[in-house]
Amino acid sequence: MPFRYFVKQLLLPPGILLLLLALAWWLRRSRPRLAGLCFALGLGGFWLMSLPVVVQWSAKALEREPALALDEWATLGQRADAIVVLGSGRERGDSAWGADQPTGVGLERQRYAARLAKASGLPILTSGGLHYDTPPTEAKLMADSLLDDFGVTVRWQEGRSRTTWENAQFSAQVLLPEGVKRVVVVTQAWHMPRAVWSFRQAGFEVVPAPVGFLGVDNARPLGGWMPEFKSIWQSGQLLNEAVGQVGYSVFYR
């Protein structure tokens, strides 16, 4: 596995929070005050990440592109030449299917892209490479699912990318020679600003088509102040995206 994977998992929550708790246990006798601080930061971080209301507030800061209006779907063909669906990993070896499958997030993107394609008549490109060099590509998993589950045939597959930046760069190598310069990009709402920026840098005009908004009323008991395990995962996704946006602004300008 790539070294950067381990670094990211250790330096971003919940990895860094687990390290703080482990450090608190290690220092409990030699440096009790420092151990107490590490314990408070680690436990407090987990508590904040577990709150749906924190997910909602955090997502609002990242979800800067509005949703497409329903009456815009049919007219997308006037504004774009193709739909690009970004990959989101895979579920490994589910015995119910006998093969790897797109993630739940990926299926959410595919469903939305299929609806847009049927309404507008635009062709689709799926973008996503190998997951730790294990075939098939995410692009193929999505293309197969779009056909089998949603009845939509994918015209192009970009199967080399591992990051959002590569999604855009390698999609450009496929689409620009075909005269496709205007694309509808489908990804999560919190991921959309970085995706739009990357595709514009690659030479595209972009119509954002975000899905999966988290910065909305969470409809949880007590206004979202009760901890939930699901919120920890969502908070981790949002923190990863915030760091990614900062990193892209530094390394890709």
C-alpha atoms as a PDB file:
ATOM      1  CA  MET A   1       0.000   0.000   0.000  1.00  0.00           C
ATOM      2  CA  PRO A   2       1.223   3.530  -0.720  1.00  0.00           C
ATOM      3  CA  PHE A   3       3.176   5.285   2.026  1.00  0.00           C
ATOM      4  CA  ARG A   4       0.921   8.314   1.696  1.00  0.00           C
ATOM      5  CA  TYR A   5      -2.049   6.142   2.688  1.00  0.00           C
ATOM      6  CA  PHE A   6      -0.482   5.336   6.062  1.00  0.00           C
ATOM      7  CA  VAL A   7       0.552   8.940   6.626  1.00  0.00           C
ATOM      8  CA  LYS A   8      -2.953  10.193   5.851  1.00  0.00           C
ATOM      9  CA  GLN A   9      -4.608   7.634   8.109  1.00  0.00           C
ATOM     10  CA  LEU A  10      -2.316   8.524  11.006  1.00  0.00           C
ATOM     11  CA  LEU A  11      -2.415  12.309  10.669  1.00  0.00           C
ATOM     12  CA  LEU A  12      -6.155  12.695  10.038  1.00  0.00           C
ATOM     13  CA  PRO A  13      -8.935  11.748  12.447  1.00  0.00           C
ATOM     14  CA  PRO A  14      -9.676   9.238  13.745  1.00  0.00           C
ATOM     15  CA  GLY A  15      -6.035   8.101  13.434  1.00  0.00           C
ATOM     16  CA  ILE A  16      -4.577  11.160  15.147  1.00  0.00           C
ATOM     17  CA  LEU A  17      -7.189  10.899  17.912  1.00  0.00           C
ATOM     18  CA  LEU A  18      -6.259   7.272  18.585  1.00  0.00           C
ATOM     19  CA  LEU A  19      -2.607   8.301  18.722  1.00  0.00           C
ATOM     20  CA  LEU A  20      -3.464  10.973  21.288  1.00  0.00           C
ATOM     21  CA  LEU A  21      -5.303   8.427  23.441  1.00  0.00           C
ATOM     22  CA  ALA A  22      -2.395   5.991  23.159  1.00  0.00           C
ATOM     23  CA  LEU A  23       0.028   8.776  24.086  1.00  0.00           C
ATOM     24  CA  ALA A  24      -2.128   9.649  27.099  1.00  0.00           C
ATOM     25  CA  TRP A  25      -1.918   6.069  28.339  1.00  0.00           C
ATOM     26  CA  TRP A  26       1.868   5.967  27.760  1.00  0.00           C
ATOM     27  CA  LEU A  27       2.455   9.252  29.631  1.00  0.00           C
ATOM     28  CA  ARG A  28      -0.038   8.642  32.436  1.00  0.00           C
ATOM     29  CA  ARG A  29       2.689   8.141  35.070  1.00  0.00           C
ATOM     30  CA  SER A  30       5.661  10.145  33.789  1.00  0.00           C
ATOM     31  CA  ARG A  31       3.745  13.237  32.552  1.00  0.00           C
ATOM     32  CA  PRO A  32       0.245  13.131  34.052  1.00  0.00           C
ATOM     33  CA  ARG A  33      -0.723  16.689  33.035  1.00  0.00           C
ATOM     34  CA  LEU A  34       0.346  16.149  29.429  1.00  0.00           C
ATOM     35  CA  ALA A  35      -1.383  12.784  29.494  1.00  0.00           C
ATOM     36  CA  GLY A  36      -4.575  14.477  30.681  1.00  0.00           C
ATOM     37  CA  LEU A  37      -4.374  17.010  27.868  1.00  0.00           C
ATOM     38  CA  CYS A  38      -3.842  14.274  25.264  1.00  0.00           C
ATOM     39  CA  PHE A  39      -6.753  12.296  26.707  1.00  0.00           C
ATOM     40  CA  ALA A  40      -9.057  15.328  26.643  1.00  0.00           C
ATOM     41  CA  LEU A  41      -8.111  16.182  23.050  1.00  0.00           C
ATOM     42  CA  GLY A  42      -8.497  12.598  21.865  1.00  0.00           C
ATOM     43  CA  LEU A  43     -11.808  11.936  23.580  1.00  0.00           C
ATOM     44  CA  GLY A  44     -13.147  15.415  22.805  1.00  0.00           C
ATOM     45  CA  GLY A  45     -12.245  14.993  19.163  1.00  0.00           C
ATOM     46  CA  PHE A  46     -14.140  11.715  18.960  1.00  0.00           C
ATOM     47  CA  TRP A  47     -17.156  13.298  20.649  1.00  0.00           C
ATOM     48  CA  LEU A  48     -17.236  16.238  18.224  1.00  0.00           C
ATOM     49  CA  MET A  49     -16.841  13.947  15.217  1.00  0.00           C
ATOM     50  CA  SER A  50     -19.743  11.810  16.424  1.00  0.00           C
ATOM     51  CA  LEU A  51     -22.269  14.675  16.452  1.00  0.00           C
ATOM     52  CA  PRO A  52     -24.586  15.012  13.419  1.00  0.00           C
ATOM     53  CA  VAL A  53     -24.841  18.746  14.045  1.00  0.00           C
ATOM     54  CA  VAL A  54     -21.049  19.089  13.626  1.00  0.00           C
ATOM     55  CA  VAL A  55     -21.277  17.173  10.340  1.00  0.00           C
ATOM     56  CA  GLN A  56     -23.999  19.565   9.214  1.00  0.00           C
ATOM     57  CA  TRP A  57     -22.034  22.701  10.118  1.00  0.00           C
ATOM     58  CA  SER A  58     -18.808  21.368   8.598  1.00  0.00           C
ATOM     59  CA  ALA A  59     -20.488  20.319   5.367  1.00  0.00           C
ATOM     60  CA  LYS A  60     -22.037  23.760   4.881  1.00  0.00           C
ATOM     61  CA  ALA A  61     -18.536  25.229   4.713  1.00  0.00           C
ATOM     62  CA  LEU A  62     -17.528  22.808   1.937  1.00  0.00           C
ATOM     63  CA  GLU A  63     -20.747  22.491  -0.080  1.00  0.00           C
ATOM     64  CA  ARG A  64     -20.402  25.703  -2.070  1.00  0.00           C
ATOM     65  CA  GLU A  65     -21.993  24.546  -5.345  1.00  0.00           C
ATOM     66  CA  PRO A  66     -25.825  24.510  -5.412  1.00  0.00           C
ATOM     67  CA  ALA A  67     -27.828  21.533  -6.589  1.00  0.00           C
ATOM     68  CA  LEU A  68     -29.116  21.458 -10.147  1.00  0.00           C
ATOM     69  CA  ALA A  69     -32.782  22.420 -10.377  1.00  0.00           C
ATOM     70  CA  LEU A  70     -35.013  19.629 -11.660  1.00  0.00           C
ATOM     71  CA  ASP A  71     -36.076  21.734 -14.643  1.00  0.00           C
ATOM     72  CA  GLU A  72     -32.407  22.044 -15.681  1.00  0.00           C
ATOM     73  CA  TRP A  73     -31.925  18.332 -16.269  1.00  0.00           C
ATOM     74  CA  ALA A  74     -33.505  18.192 -19.713  1.00  0.00           C
ATOM     75  CA  THR A  75     -31.592  21.245 -20.951  1.00  0.00           C
ATOM     76  CA  LEU A  76     -28.119  20.120 -19.870  1.00  0.00           C
ATOM     77  CA  GLY A  77     -27.378  19.216 -23.479  1.00  0.00           C
ATOM     78  CA  GLN A  78     -27.348  22.931 -24.271  1.00  0.00           C
ATOM     79  CA  ARG A  79     -24.667  23.590 -21.653  1.00  0.00           C
ATOM     80  CA  ALA A  80     -22.461  20.497 -21.821  1.00  0.00           C
ATOM     81  CA  ASP A  81     -21.199  17.747 -24.121  1.00  0.00           C
ATOM     82  CA  ALA A  82     -20.845  14.858 -21.649  1.00  0.00           C
ATOM     83  CA  ILE A  83     -21.371  13.723 -18.062  1.00  0.00           C
ATOM     84  CA  VAL A  84     -18.367  12.675 -15.962  1.00  0.00           C
ATOM     85  CA  VAL A  85     -18.970  10.477 -12.906  1.00  0.00           C
ATOM     86  CA  LEU A  86     -16.112  10.311 -10.398  1.00  0.00           C
ATOM     87  CA  GLY A  87     -15.248   7.064  -8.634  1.00  0.00           C
ATOM     88  CA  SER A  88     -15.324   6.623  -4.866  1.00  0.00           C
ATOM     89  CA  GLY A  89     -13.584   3.341  -4.179  1.00  0.00           C
ATOM     90  CA  ARG A  90     -15.124  -0.129  -4.061  1.00  0.00           C
ATOM     91  CA  GLU A  91     -16.628  -2.773  -1.806  1.00  0.00           C
ATOM     92  CA  ARG A  92     -14.394  -5.827  -1.902  1.00  0.00           C
ATOM     93  CA  GLY A  93     -15.598  -9.359  -2.525  1.00  0.00           C
ATOM     94  CA  ASP A  94     -19.239  -9.268  -1.398  1.00  0.00           C
ATOM     95  CA  SER A  95     -20.258 -12.921  -1.630  1.00  0.00           C
ATOM     96  CA  ALA A  96     -23.807 -11.922  -2.565  1.00  0.00           C
ATOM     97  CA  TRP A  97     -22.459 -10.584  -5.854  1.00  0.00           C
ATOM     98  CA  GLY A  98     -19.374 -12.733  -6.292  1.00  0.00           C
ATOM     99  CA  ALA A  99     -17.322  -9.712  -7.295  1.00  0.00           C
ATOM    100  CA  ASP A 100     -16.275  -6.226  -6.223  1.00  0.00           C
ATOM    101  CA  GLN A 101     -19.004  -3.593  -6.288  1.00  0.00           C
ATOM    102  CA  PRO A 102     -19.203   0.227  -6.260  1.00  0.00           C
ATOM    103  CA  THR A 103     -19.548   1.821  -2.828  1.00  0.00           C
ATOM    104  CA  GLY A 104     -22.824   3.227  -1.575  1.00  0.00           C
ATOM    105  CA  VAL A 105     -21.499   6.700  -2.319  1.00  0.00           C
ATOM    106  CA  GLY A 106     -20.586   5.557  -5.832  1.00  0.00           C
ATOM    107  CA  LEU A 107     -24.062   4.147  -6.395  1.00  0.00           C
ATOM    108  CA  GLU A 108     -25.549   7.460  -5.289  1.00  0.00           C
ATOM    109  CA  ARG A 109     -23.448   9.241  -7.926  1.00  0.00           C
ATOM    110  CA  GLN A 110     -24.318   6.670 -10.571  1.00  0.00           C
ATOM    111  CA  ARG A 111     -28.044   6.924  -9.908  1.00  0.00           C
ATOM    112  CA  TYR A 112     -27.917  10.694 -10.266  1.00  0.00           C
ATOM    113  CA  ALA A 113     -25.776  10.513 -13.415  1.00  0.00           C
ATOM    114  CA  ALA A 114     -28.171   7.976 -14.930  1.00  0.00           C
ATOM    115  CA  ARG A 115     -31.143  10.267 -14.303  1.00  0.00           C
ATOM    116  CA  LEU A 116     -29.288  13.221 -15.826  1.00  0.00           C
ATOM    117  CA  ALA A 117     -28.231  11.163 -18.847  1.00  0.00           C
ATOM    118  CA  LYS A 118     -31.763   9.922 -19.496  1.00  0.00           C
ATOM    119  CA  ALA A 119     -33.191  13.427 -19.159  1.00  0.00           C
ATOM    120  CA  SER A 120     -30.556  15.168 -21.286  1.00  0.00           C
ATOM    121  CA  GLY A 121     -29.339  12.514 -23.710  1.00  0.00           C
ATOM    122  CA  LEU A 122     -25.721  13.272 -22.814  1.00  0.00           C
ATOM    123  CA  PRO A 123     -23.123  10.461 -22.973  1.00  0.00           C
ATOM    124  CA  ILE A 124     -21.284   9.375 -19.812  1.00  0.00           C
ATOM    125  CA  LEU A 125     -17.633   8.918 -18.907  1.00  0.00           C
ATOM    126  CA  THR A 126     -16.769   7.027 -15.713  1.00  0.00           C
ATOM    127  CA  SER A 127     -13.493   7.966 -14.044  1.00  0.00           C
ATOM    128  CA  GLY A 128     -11.547   5.893 -11.519  1.00  0.00           C
ATOM    129  CA  GLY A 129      -8.477   3.672 -11.608  1.00  0.00           C
ATOM    130  CA  LEU A 130      -7.304   0.489  -9.934  1.00  0.00           C
ATOM    131  CA  HIS A 131      -7.632   0.156  -6.168  1.00  0.00           C
ATOM    132  CA  TYR A 132      -4.145  -0.856  -4.980  1.00  0.00           C
ATOM    133  CA  ASP A 133      -3.443  -2.368  -8.420  1.00  0.00           C
ATOM    134  CA  THR A 134      -6.331  -4.827  -8.137  1.00  0.00           C
ATOM    135  CA  PRO A 135      -8.549  -5.075 -11.252  1.00  0.00           C
ATOM    136  CA  PRO A 136     -11.127  -4.211 -12.419  1.00  0.00           C
ATOM    137  CA  THR A 137     -10.902  -0.432 -12.448  1.00  0.00           C
ATOM    138  CA  GLU A 138     -13.423   1.715 -10.634  1.00  0.00           C
ATOM    139  CA  ALA A 139     -14.417   3.077 -14.044  1.00  0.00           C
ATOM    140  CA  LYS A 140     -15.375  -0.419 -15.211  1.00  0.00           C
ATOM    141  CA  LEU A 141     -17.226  -1.236 -11.985  1.00  0.00           C
ATOM    142  CA  MET A 142     -19.297   1.913 -12.431  1.00  0.00           C
ATOM    143  CA  ALA A 143     -19.840   1.318 -16.147  1.00  0.00           C
ATOM    144  CA  ASP A 144     -21.061  -2.234 -15.512  1.00  0.00           C
ATOM    145  CA  SER A 145     -23.346  -1.058 -12.706  1.00  0.00           C
ATOM    146  CA  LEU A 146     -24.761   1.807 -14.758  1.00  0.00           C
ATOM    147  CA  LEU A 147     -25.716  -0.662 -17.478  1.00  0.00           C
ATOM    148  CA  ASP A 148     -26.939  -3.517 -15.282  1.00  0.00           C
ATOM    149  CA  ASP A 149     -28.642  -1.487 -12.544  1.00  0.00           C
ATOM    150  CA  PHE A 150     -29.763   1.698 -14.322  1.00  0.00           C
ATOM    151  CA  GLY A 151     -29.967   0.732 -17.995  1.00  0.00           C
ATOM    152  CA  VAL A 152     -27.448   3.359 -19.142  1.00  0.00           C
ATOM    153  CA  THR A 153     -24.533   2.547 -21.455  1.00  0.00           C
ATOM    154  CA  VAL A 154     -21.252   4.319 -20.705  1.00  0.00           C
ATOM    155  CA  ARG A 155     -19.428   5.681 -23.757  1.00  0.00           C
ATOM    156  CA  TRP A 156     -15.987   6.231 -22.224  1.00  0.00           C
ATOM    157  CA  GLN A 157     -14.025   4.770 -19.322  1.00  0.00           C
ATOM    158  CA  GLU A 158     -11.024   6.480 -17.747  1.00  0.00           C
ATOM    159  CA  GLY A 159      -9.338   3.806 -15.673  1.00  0.00           C
ATOM    160  CA  ARG A 160      -5.967   5.241 -14.608  1.00  0.00           C
ATOM    161  CA  SER A 161      -6.765   7.938 -12.034  1.00  0.00           C
ATOM    162  CA  ARG A 162      -6.152   7.624  -8.292  1.00  0.00           C
ATOM    163  CA  THR A 163      -6.918  11.196  -7.196  1.00  0.00           C
ATOM    164  CA  THR A 164      -9.337  13.980  -8.097  1.00  0.00           C
ATOM    165  CA  TRP A 165      -6.552  15.793  -9.944  1.00  0.00           C
ATOM    166  CA  GLU A 166      -5.868  12.679 -12.022  1.00  0.00           C
ATOM    167  CA  ASN A 167      -9.616  12.217 -12.616  1.00  0.00           C
ATOM    168  CA  ALA A 168      -9.537  15.565 -14.392  1.00  0.00           C
ATOM    169  CA  GLN A 169      -6.198  15.202 -16.192  1.00  0.00           C
ATOM    170  CA  PHE A 170      -6.837  11.704 -17.535  1.00  0.00           C
ATOM    171  CA  SER A 171     -10.442  12.511 -18.450  1.00  0.00           C
ATOM    172  CA  ALA A 172      -9.085  15.408 -20.482  1.00  0.00           C
ATOM    173  CA  GLN A 173      -6.857  13.000 -22.396  1.00  0.00           C
ATOM    174  CA  VAL A 174      -9.940  10.966 -23.313  1.00  0.00           C
ATOM    175  CA  LEU A 175     -12.487  13.709 -23.948  1.00  0.00           C
ATOM    176  CA  LEU A 176     -10.671  16.736 -25.355  1.00  0.00           C
ATOM    177  CA  PRO A 177      -9.491  14.878 -28.490  1.00  0.00           C
ATOM    178  CA  GLU A 178     -13.166  13.949 -29.015  1.00  0.00           C
ATOM    179  CA  GLY A 179     -14.111  17.626 -28.989  1.00  0.00           C
ATOM    180  CA  VAL A 180     -15.732  17.377 -25.563  1.00  0.00           C
ATOM    181  CA  LYS A 181     -14.858  20.580 -23.718  1.00  0.00           C
ATOM    182  CA  ARG A 182     -17.974  21.115 -21.569  1.00  0.00           C
ATOM    183  CA  VAL A 183     -18.734  18.509 -18.914  1.00  0.00           C
ATOM    184  CA  VAL A 184     -21.281  17.901 -16.203  1.00  0.00           C
ATOM    185  CA  VAL A 185     -19.309  16.633 -13.207  1.00  0.00           C
ATOM    186  CA  VAL A 186     -21.140  14.344 -10.781  1.00  0.00           C
ATOM    187  CA  THR A 187     -19.688  13.845  -7.303  1.00  0.00           C
ATOM    188  CA  GLN A 188     -20.577  14.479  -3.648  1.00  0.00           C
ATOM    189  CA  ALA A 189     -21.554  18.043  -2.801  1.00  0.00           C
ATOM    190  CA  TRP A 190     -18.723  18.391  -0.271  1.00  0.00           C
ATOM    191  CA  HIS A 191     -16.200  17.146  -2.873  1.00  0.00           C
ATOM    192  CA  MET A 192     -17.518  19.298  -5.715  1.00  0.00           C
ATOM    193  CA  PRO A 193     -15.416  22.493  -5.222  1.00  0.00           C
ATOM    194  CA  ARG A 194     -12.145  20.544  -5.561  1.00  0.00           C
ATOM    195  CA  ALA A 195     -13.520  18.554  -8.502  1.00  0.00           C
ATOM    196  CA  VAL A 196     -14.692  21.699 -10.331  1.00  0.00           C
ATOM    197  CA  TRP A 197     -11.343  23.388  -9.765  1.00  0.00           C
ATOM    198  CA  SER A 198      -9.426  20.329 -11.024  1.00  0.00           C
ATOM    199  CA  PHE A 199     -11.511  19.953 -14.186  1.00  0.00           C
ATOM    200  CA  ARG A 200     -11.237  23.653 -15.000  1.00  0.00           C
ATOM    201  CA  GLN A 201      -7.475  23.401 -14.596  1.00  0.00           C
ATOM    202  CA  ALA A 202      -7.566  20.507 -17.080  1.00  0.00           C
ATOM    203  CA  GLY A 203      -9.220  22.727 -19.699  1.00  0.00           C
ATOM    204  CA  PHE A 204     -12.928  22.015 -19.279  1.00  0.00           C
ATOM    205  CA  GLU A 205     -15.960  24.210 -18.863  1.00  0.00           C
ATOM    206  CA  VAL A 206     -17.749  22.651 -15.902  1.00  0.00           C
ATOM    207  CA  VAL A 207     -21.403  22.324 -14.951  1.00  0.00           C
ATOM    208  CA  PRO A 208     -21.417  21.122 -11.323  1.00  0.00           C
ATOM    209  CA  ALA A 209     -23.964  18.414 -10.505  1.00  0.00           C
ATOM    210  CA  PRO A 210     -23.487  17.773  -6.773  1.00  0.00           C
ATOM    211  CA  VAL A 211     -25.319  15.027  -4.928  1.00  0.00           C
ATOM    212  CA  GLY A 212     -25.395  13.718  -1.366  1.00  0.00           C
ATOM    213  CA  PHE A 213     -25.632  17.007   0.526  1.00  0.00           C
ATOM    214  CA  LEU A 214     -24.736  16.757   4.232  1.00  0.00           C
ATOM    215  CA  GLY A 215     -25.081  20.426   5.156  1.00  0.00           C
ATOM    216  CA  VAL A 216     -28.858  20.225   5.503  1.00  0.00           C
ATOM    217  CA  ASP A 217     -31.197  19.762   8.458  1.00  0.00           C
ATOM    218  CA  ASN A 218     -30.011  16.472   9.950  1.00  0.00           C
ATOM    219  CA  ALA A 219     -33.483  15.618  11.342  1.00  0.00           C
ATOM    220  CA  ARG A 220     -31.894  13.870  14.325  1.00  0.00           C
ATOM    221  CA  PRO A 221     -33.233  13.845  17.897  1.00  0.00           C
ATOM    222  CA  LEU A 222     -32.162  16.813  20.028  1.00  0.00           C
ATOM    223  CA  GLY A 223     -31.106  18.735  16.924  1.00  0.00           C
ATOM    224  CA  GLY A 224     -28.192  16.420  16.166  1.00  0.00           C
ATOM    225  CA  TRP A 225     -26.473  16.704  19.550  1.00  0.00           C
ATOM    226  CA  MET A 226     -26.698  12.963  20.269  1.00  0.00           C
ATOM    227  CA  PRO A 227     -23.568  11.067  19.184  1.00  0.00           C
ATOM    228  CA  GLU A 228     -23.861   8.665  16.230  1.00  0.00           C
ATOM    229  CA  PHE A 229     -21.240   6.287  14.864  1.00  0.00           C
ATOM    230  CA  LYS A 230     -22.120   7.200  11.259  1.00  0.00           C
ATOM    231  CA  SER A 231     -21.198  10.814  11.957  1.00  0.00           C
ATOM    232  CA  ILE A 232     -17.614   9.800  12.779  1.00  0.00           C
ATOM    233  CA  TRP A 233     -17.200   8.412   9.259  1.00  0.00           C
ATOM    234  CA  GLN A 234     -18.852  11.463   7.702  1.00  0.00           C
ATOM    235  CA  SER A 235     -16.709  13.839   9.750  1.00  0.00           C
ATOM    236  CA  GLY A 236     -13.619  11.963   8.586  1.00  0.00           C
ATOM    237  CA  GLN A 237     -14.676  12.393   4.951  1.00  0.00           C
ATOM    238  CA  LEU A 238     -15.221  16.117   5.452  1.00  0.00           C
ATOM    239  CA  LEU A 239     -11.879  16.609   7.203  1.00  0.00           C
ATOM    240  CA  ASN A 240     -10.112  14.688   4.453  1.00  0.00           C
ATOM    241  CA  GLU A 241     -11.772  16.934   1.878  1.00  0.00           C
ATOM    242  CA  ALA A 242     -10.831  20.132   3.741  1.00  0.00           C
ATOM    243  CA  VAL A 243      -7.193  19.015   3.868  1.00  0.00           C
ATOM    244  CA  GLY A 244      -7.379  18.036   0.196  1.00  0.00           C
ATOM    245  CA  GLN A 245      -8.589  21.483  -0.811  1.00  0.00           C
ATOM    246  CA  VAL A 246      -5.731  23.122   1.062  1.00  0.00           C
ATOM    247  CA  GLY A 247      -3.234  20.687  -0.447  1.00  0.00           C
ATOM    248  CA  TYR A 248      -4.461  21.253  -3.983  1.00  0.00           C
ATOM    249  CA  SER A 249      -4.234  25.031  -3.566  1.00  0.00           C
ATOM    250  CA  VAL A 250      -0.593  24.626  -2.538  1.00  0.00           C
ATOM    251  CA  PHE A 251       0.700  21.895  -4.852  1.00  0.00           C
ATOM    252  CA  TYR A 252      -1.275  22.313  -8.069  1.00  0.00           C
ATOM    253  CA  ARG A 253      -1.191  26.047  -8.658  1.00  0.00           C
END
